[in-house]
Amino acid sequence: RFRILLLGRSGVGKSELINRIFNIKQAVFSDHRAGNADIEKEFTSNQKTRFVLHDSRGYEYGDKDHSAVVKRFVQDRTGTS
């Protein structure tokens, strides 16, 4: 499977990009506040089942908790520690 993780600051349109790419309304976003995207949730397309997108919550400078979540996500999928 071809997997992409979307990272970026809050409010830059990560979730909206997923919705537009797949023509869905599943990735929840807000124009007024940071979202709570679940990095583990997979977004797939019925036309291209091998293509998988993951959304992440807003990535802000110095947010060590979120950095640890992203690092664990990548390590779990690459077999590194």
N, C-alpha and C. Protein backbone atom coordinates (compact mmCIF):
# COMPACT_ATOMS: atom_id res chain seq x y z
N ARG A 1 0.83 -1.19 0.00
CA ARG A 1 0.00 0.00 0.00
C ARG A 1 0.87 1.25 0.00
N PHE A 2 0.41 2.25 -0.69
CA PHE A 2 1.08 3.54 -0.75
C PHE A 2 0.43 4.44 0.29
N ARG A 3 1.19 4.84 1.31
CA ARG A 3 0.63 5.54 2.46
C ARG A 3 1.22 6.95 2.56
N ILE A 4 0.34 7.94 2.77
CA ILE A 4 0.76 9.33 2.94
C ILE A 4 0.19 9.85 4.25
N LEU A 5 1.04 10.47 5.05
CA LEU A 5 0.63 11.13 6.27
C LEU A 5 0.70 12.63 6.05
N LEU A 6 -0.43 13.32 6.24
CA LEU A 6 -0.48 14.76 6.08
C LEU A 6 -0.14 15.44 7.40
N LEU A 7 0.90 16.25 7.38
CA LEU A 7 1.33 17.02 8.55
C LEU A 7 1.29 18.49 8.20
N GLY A 8 0.97 19.30 9.17
CA GLY A 8 0.98 20.74 8.96
C GLY A 8 0.37 21.46 10.14
N ARG A 9 0.53 22.75 10.15
CA ARG A 9 -0.02 23.56 11.22
C ARG A 9 -1.54 23.51 11.21
N SER A 10 -2.13 23.89 12.33
CA SER A 10 -3.60 23.95 12.44
C SER A 10 -4.15 24.96 11.45
N GLY A 11 -5.24 24.58 10.79
CA GLY A 11 -5.95 25.50 9.92
C GLY A 11 -5.41 25.67 8.53
N VAL A 12 -4.47 24.82 8.10
CA VAL A 12 -3.89 24.98 6.76
C VAL A 12 -4.63 24.17 5.70
N GLY A 13 -5.59 23.32 6.11
CA GLY A 13 -6.41 22.62 5.12
C GLY A 13 -6.09 21.16 4.91
N LYS A 14 -5.43 20.50 5.86
CA LYS A 14 -5.09 19.08 5.70
C LYS A 14 -6.35 18.22 5.52
N SER A 15 -7.29 18.37 6.41
CA SER A 15 -8.52 17.56 6.36
C SER A 15 -9.35 17.90 5.13
N GLU A 16 -9.43 19.16 4.80
CA GLU A 16 -10.18 19.56 3.61
C GLU A 16 -9.55 18.97 2.35
N LEU A 17 -8.22 18.88 2.31
CA LEU A 17 -7.53 18.28 1.17
C LEU A 17 -7.94 16.81 1.01
N ILE A 18 -8.00 16.07 2.12
CA ILE A 18 -8.42 14.67 2.06
C ILE A 18 -9.84 14.58 1.50
N ASN A 19 -10.73 15.41 2.01
CA ASN A 19 -12.12 15.39 1.53
C ASN A 19 -12.21 15.67 0.03
N ARG A 20 -11.42 16.60 -0.45
CA ARG A 20 -11.47 16.95 -1.87
C ARG A 20 -10.81 15.89 -2.76
N ILE A 21 -9.71 15.32 -2.30
CA ILE A 21 -9.03 14.29 -3.09
C ILE A 21 -9.94 13.09 -3.31
N PHE A 22 -10.63 12.66 -2.25
CA PHE A 22 -11.47 11.47 -2.33
C PHE A 22 -12.94 11.79 -2.53
N ASN A 23 -13.28 13.07 -2.64
CA ASN A 23 -14.67 13.49 -2.81
C ASN A 23 -15.56 12.89 -1.72
N ILE A 24 -15.10 13.09 -0.46
CA ILE A 24 -15.82 12.59 0.71
C ILE A 24 -16.02 13.73 1.69
N LYS A 25 -16.74 13.46 2.76
CA LYS A 25 -16.91 14.42 3.85
C LYS A 25 -16.55 13.76 5.18
N GLN A 26 -15.58 12.86 5.16
CA GLN A 26 -15.25 12.09 6.36
C GLN A 26 -14.20 12.76 7.23
N ALA A 27 -13.26 13.47 6.63
CA ALA A 27 -12.23 14.14 7.41
C ALA A 27 -12.82 15.44 7.95
N VAL A 28 -13.00 15.50 9.26
CA VAL A 28 -13.67 16.63 9.90
C VAL A 28 -12.69 17.78 10.09
N PHE A 29 -13.15 18.97 9.76
CA PHE A 29 -12.31 20.15 9.94
C PHE A 29 -13.15 21.33 10.38
N SER A 30 -12.48 22.33 10.92
CA SER A 30 -13.14 23.55 11.35
C SER A 30 -12.30 24.73 10.90
N ASP A 31 -12.97 25.76 10.42
CA ASP A 31 -12.25 26.96 10.01
C ASP A 31 -11.87 27.84 11.20
N HIS A 32 -12.44 27.52 12.37
CA HIS A 32 -12.29 28.43 13.50
C HIS A 32 -11.43 27.89 14.64
N ARG A 33 -11.11 26.61 14.64
CA ARG A 33 -10.30 26.06 15.73
C ARG A 33 -9.56 24.82 15.22
N ALA A 34 -8.57 24.41 16.00
CA ALA A 34 -7.80 23.22 15.64
C ALA A 34 -8.68 21.99 15.74
N GLY A 35 -8.50 21.06 14.81
CA GLY A 35 -9.29 19.84 14.81
C GLY A 35 -8.63 18.76 15.65
N ASN A 36 -9.31 17.64 15.79
CA ASN A 36 -8.79 16.49 16.54
C ASN A 36 -8.70 15.29 15.63
N ALA A 37 -7.97 15.38 14.57
CA ALA A 37 -7.84 14.28 13.63
C ALA A 37 -7.18 13.08 14.30
N ASP A 38 -7.62 11.89 13.92
CA ASP A 38 -7.06 10.64 14.42
C ASP A 38 -6.04 10.14 13.42
N ILE A 39 -4.78 10.19 13.78
CA ILE A 39 -3.69 9.81 12.88
C ILE A 39 -3.80 8.35 12.43
N GLU A 40 -4.45 7.51 13.21
CA GLU A 40 -4.58 6.09 12.88
C GLU A 40 -5.67 5.81 11.84
N LYS A 41 -6.61 6.74 11.68
CA LYS A 41 -7.71 6.53 10.73
C LYS A 41 -7.18 6.57 9.30
N GLU A 42 -7.58 5.58 8.51
CA GLU A 42 -7.16 5.50 7.11
C GLU A 42 -8.28 6.03 6.22
N PHE A 43 -7.90 6.86 5.27
CA PHE A 43 -8.82 7.32 4.24
C PHE A 43 -8.40 6.66 2.94
N THR A 44 -9.34 5.95 2.31
CA THR A 44 -9.04 5.24 1.07
C THR A 44 -10.07 5.61 0.02
N SER A 45 -9.71 5.32 -1.21
CA SER A 45 -10.58 5.57 -2.34
C SER A 45 -11.06 4.24 -2.89
N ASN A 46 -12.32 4.17 -3.28
CA ASN A 46 -12.84 2.95 -3.89
C ASN A 46 -12.17 2.66 -5.23
N GLN A 47 -11.72 3.70 -5.92
CA GLN A 47 -11.08 3.53 -7.22
C GLN A 47 -9.62 3.10 -7.10
N LYS A 48 -8.94 3.53 -6.03
CA LYS A 48 -7.52 3.22 -5.85
C LYS A 48 -7.30 2.71 -4.43
N THR A 49 -7.59 1.45 -4.22
CA THR A 49 -7.59 0.89 -2.87
C THR A 49 -6.19 0.78 -2.26
N ARG A 50 -5.16 0.84 -3.06
CA ARG A 50 -3.80 0.74 -2.53
C ARG A 50 -3.27 2.09 -2.03
N PHE A 51 -4.01 3.15 -2.27
CA PHE A 51 -3.61 4.50 -1.88
C PHE A 51 -4.30 4.84 -0.56
N VAL A 52 -3.51 5.18 0.48
CA VAL A 52 -4.05 5.44 1.81
C VAL A 52 -3.54 6.79 2.31
N LEU A 53 -4.46 7.60 2.83
CA LEU A 53 -4.08 8.87 3.44
C LEU A 53 -4.38 8.83 4.93
N HIS A 54 -3.52 9.48 5.71
CA HIS A 54 -3.74 9.66 7.14
C HIS A 54 -3.68 11.14 7.43
N ASP A 55 -4.59 11.59 8.27
CA ASP A 55 -4.65 12.99 8.68
C ASP A 55 -4.04 13.10 10.08
N SER A 56 -3.43 14.22 10.38
CA SER A 56 -2.93 14.45 11.73
C SER A 56 -3.51 15.74 12.26
N ARG A 57 -3.55 15.85 13.56
CA ARG A 57 -4.03 17.11 14.11
C ARG A 57 -2.99 18.18 13.85
N GLY A 58 -3.32 19.42 14.10
CA GLY A 58 -2.40 20.52 13.84
C GLY A 58 -1.06 20.34 14.51
N TYR A 59 -0.03 20.55 13.76
CA TYR A 59 1.33 20.36 14.24
C TYR A 59 1.91 21.74 14.55
N GLU A 60 2.09 22.02 15.83
CA GLU A 60 2.58 23.33 16.25
C GLU A 60 4.00 23.21 16.79
N TYR A 61 4.78 24.25 16.61
CA TYR A 61 6.16 24.28 17.07
C TYR A 61 6.23 23.99 18.57
N GLY A 62 7.10 23.08 18.95
CA GLY A 62 7.32 22.77 20.35
C GLY A 62 6.33 21.79 20.95
N ASP A 63 5.41 21.27 20.18
CA ASP A 63 4.41 20.33 20.69
C ASP A 63 5.04 18.95 20.75
N LYS A 64 5.68 18.64 21.87
CA LYS A 64 6.41 17.38 22.01
C LYS A 64 5.50 16.17 22.04
N ASP A 65 4.29 16.34 22.58
CA ASP A 65 3.34 15.21 22.62
C ASP A 65 2.98 14.77 21.21
N HIS A 66 2.67 15.73 20.35
CA HIS A 66 2.29 15.39 18.97
C HIS A 66 3.50 14.86 18.20
N SER A 67 4.68 15.40 18.48
CA SER A 67 5.89 14.89 17.84
C SER A 67 6.09 13.42 18.16
N ALA A 68 5.82 13.03 19.40
CA ALA A 68 5.96 11.63 19.81
C ALA A 68 4.94 10.75 19.10
N VAL A 69 3.72 11.25 18.92
CA VAL A 69 2.67 10.50 18.21
C VAL A 69 3.08 10.26 16.76
N VAL A 70 3.58 11.29 16.10
CA VAL A 70 4.01 11.18 14.70
C VAL A 70 5.19 10.21 14.59
N LYS A 71 6.15 10.34 15.49
CA LYS A 71 7.32 9.45 15.46
C LYS A 71 6.90 7.99 15.63
N ARG A 72 5.99 7.74 16.58
CA ARG A 72 5.51 6.37 16.81
C ARG A 72 4.76 5.85 15.58
N PHE A 73 3.94 6.70 14.95
CA PHE A 73 3.20 6.32 13.75
C PHE A 73 4.16 5.85 12.65
N VAL A 74 5.20 6.62 12.40
CA VAL A 74 6.17 6.28 11.36
C VAL A 74 6.94 5.01 11.74
N GLN A 75 7.38 4.92 12.97
CA GLN A 75 8.13 3.75 13.41
C GLN A 75 7.30 2.47 13.30
N ASP A 76 6.03 2.55 13.68
CA ASP A 76 5.16 1.37 13.60
C ASP A 76 5.00 0.87 12.18
N ARG A 77 5.08 1.77 11.22
CA ARG A 77 4.86 1.38 9.84
C ARG A 77 6.14 1.10 9.05
N THR A 78 7.28 1.42 9.64
CA THR A 78 8.54 1.15 8.96
C THR A 78 9.36 0.07 9.66
N GLY A 79 8.92 -0.35 10.84
CA GLY A 79 9.64 -1.40 11.57
C GLY A 79 10.90 -0.89 12.24
N THR A 80 11.01 0.45 12.44
CA THR A 80 12.19 1.00 13.12
C THR A 80 11.82 1.34 14.57
N SER A 81 12.85 1.50 15.40
CA SER A 81 12.58 1.88 16.78
C SER A 81 13.33 3.11 17.19
